[in-house]
């Protein structure tokens, strides 16, 4: 699974790194609701850092799944939402603050 995709049918919405010193950001406001259709280029979410606010545009079109709710602070690179085709796959469980590790975990070998 690559960092920019959550499943084969979706695109992850990641907490962006807006400045060199930025380590975390706050999900200030979602401009769409969970389950809404989103078109690429629409303003999706407003992120707050210690220095500014930033409107993040959707990089793809699809059905929005929100994983990090408004008011929560998360690390840069954390999956905060997902844009997909509406098919719910059991790959990413919604979470309010848990970051997705950057290294993949290999499945256990069968014995």
Protein backbone atom coordinates (compact mmCIF):
# COMPACT_ATOMS: atom_id res chain seq x y z
CA UNK A 1 0.00 0.00 0.00
CA UNK A 2 1.56 3.33 -1.01
CA UNK A 3 1.33 6.38 1.28
CA UNK A 4 -1.07 8.21 -1.02
CA UNK A 5 -3.57 5.38 -1.38
CA UNK A 6 -5.61 3.79 1.35
CA UNK A 7 -7.02 0.93 -0.73
CA UNK A 8 -7.06 -0.04 -4.39
CA UNK A 9 -10.29 1.98 -4.77
CA UNK A 10 -9.46 5.03 -2.64
CA UNK A 11 -7.09 7.90 -1.99
CA UNK A 12 -5.92 8.74 1.52
CA UNK A 13 -6.27 12.28 2.82
CA UNK A 14 -3.10 12.94 4.81
CA UNK A 15 -2.22 15.62 7.35
CA UNK A 16 0.05 17.78 5.14
CA UNK A 17 3.42 19.20 6.09
CA UNK A 18 2.86 22.91 5.46
CA UNK A 19 6.16 24.26 6.81
CA UNK A 20 9.57 22.79 7.49
CA UNK A 21 9.12 22.99 11.25
CA UNK A 22 5.58 21.55 11.23
CA UNK A 23 5.28 18.24 13.09
CA UNK A 24 1.53 18.25 13.91
CA UNK A 25 -1.62 19.95 12.75
CA UNK A 26 -5.17 20.34 14.00
CA UNK A 27 -8.17 19.32 11.91
CA UNK A 28 -9.97 22.63 12.32
CA UNK A 29 -13.00 22.14 10.04
CA UNK A 30 -14.24 19.60 7.52
CA UNK A 31 -16.06 21.33 4.65
CA UNK A 32 -17.86 18.10 3.70
CA UNK A 33 -19.53 15.44 5.83
CA UNK A 34 -18.70 11.77 6.15
CA UNK A 35 -20.34 9.99 3.21
CA UNK A 36 -20.52 13.10 0.97
CA UNK A 37 -19.46 13.02 -2.69
CA UNK A 38 -16.37 15.21 -3.21
CA UNK A 39 -14.92 16.42 -6.51
CA UNK A 40 -11.18 16.87 -7.06
CA UNK A 41 -10.17 20.48 -6.40
CA UNK A 42 -12.92 21.22 -3.86
CA UNK A 43 -11.85 22.53 -0.46
CA UNK A 44 -12.05 19.50 1.79
CA UNK A 45 -10.68 20.44 5.19
CA UNK A 46 -9.09 23.38 7.01
CA UNK A 47 -5.90 22.56 8.90
CA UNK A 48 -4.49 24.72 11.69
CA UNK A 49 -0.82 24.91 12.60
CA UNK A 50 0.82 27.00 15.30
CA UNK A 51 1.37 29.75 12.71
CA UNK A 52 -1.51 29.68 10.21
CA UNK A 53 -4.58 27.95 8.81
CA UNK A 54 -4.56 26.15 5.47
CA UNK A 55 -7.38 24.91 3.23
CA UNK A 56 -6.61 21.46 1.83
CA UNK A 57 -8.15 20.63 -1.56
CA UNK A 58 -9.30 17.15 -2.54
CA UNK A 59 -6.70 15.44 -4.74
CA UNK A 60 -9.28 13.03 -6.16
CA UNK A 61 -13.02 12.65 -6.51
CA UNK A 62 -14.95 10.17 -4.41
CA UNK A 63 -17.01 9.47 -1.32
CA UNK A 64 -15.47 11.00 1.82
CA UNK A 65 -14.75 8.91 4.91
CA UNK A 66 -13.57 11.00 7.86
CA UNK A 67 -11.13 9.32 10.27
CA UNK A 68 -9.99 12.30 12.37
CA UNK A 69 -12.70 14.57 13.72
CA UNK A 70 -12.54 18.33 14.11
CA UNK A 71 -10.44 19.64 16.98
CA UNK A 72 -7.95 16.76 17.06
CA UNK A 73 -4.22 17.29 16.64
CA UNK A 74 -2.31 14.63 14.69
CA UNK A 75 1.18 14.15 13.30
CA UNK A 76 2.12 15.08 9.74
CA UNK A 77 1.44 12.14 7.40
CA UNK A 78 -1.45 10.75 9.47
CA UNK A 79 -4.42 9.54 7.43
CA UNK A 80 -7.24 11.92 8.41
CA UNK A 81 -9.74 10.76 5.81
CA UNK A 82 -10.25 8.79 2.63
CA UNK A 83 -11.82 9.47 -0.76
CA UNK A 84 -13.16 6.29 -2.31
CA UNK A 85 -15.71 4.81 -4.64
CA UNK A 86 -18.23 4.15 -1.89
CA UNK A 87 -17.33 0.50 -1.42
CA UNK A 88 -16.36 0.05 2.19
CA UNK A 89 -13.30 -2.16 2.51
CA UNK A 90 -11.95 -3.27 5.87
CA UNK A 91 -8.51 -1.72 5.50
CA UNK A 92 -8.43 1.42 7.62
CA UNK A 93 -10.45 1.66 10.78
CA UNK A 94 -11.67 5.15 11.71
CA UNK A 95 -9.53 6.69 14.43
CA UNK A 96 -9.54 10.05 16.11
CA UNK A 97 -5.78 10.42 16.58
CA UNK A 98 -3.82 7.24 15.82
CA UNK A 99 -1.21 7.82 13.08
CA UNK A 100 -0.58 5.18 10.42
CA UNK A 101 3.01 3.88 10.68
CA UNK A 102 5.25 4.69 7.74
CA UNK A 103 6.65 1.15 7.51
CA UNK A 104 4.55 -1.73 6.29
CA UNK A 105 3.99 -4.71 8.58
CA UNK A 106 4.56 -8.07 6.87
CA UNK A 107 1.86 -10.70 7.45
CA UNK A 108 2.80 -13.51 9.83
CA UNK A 109 4.12 -16.65 8.17
CA UNK A 110 1.76 -19.65 8.28
CA UNK A 111 3.07 -22.62 10.17
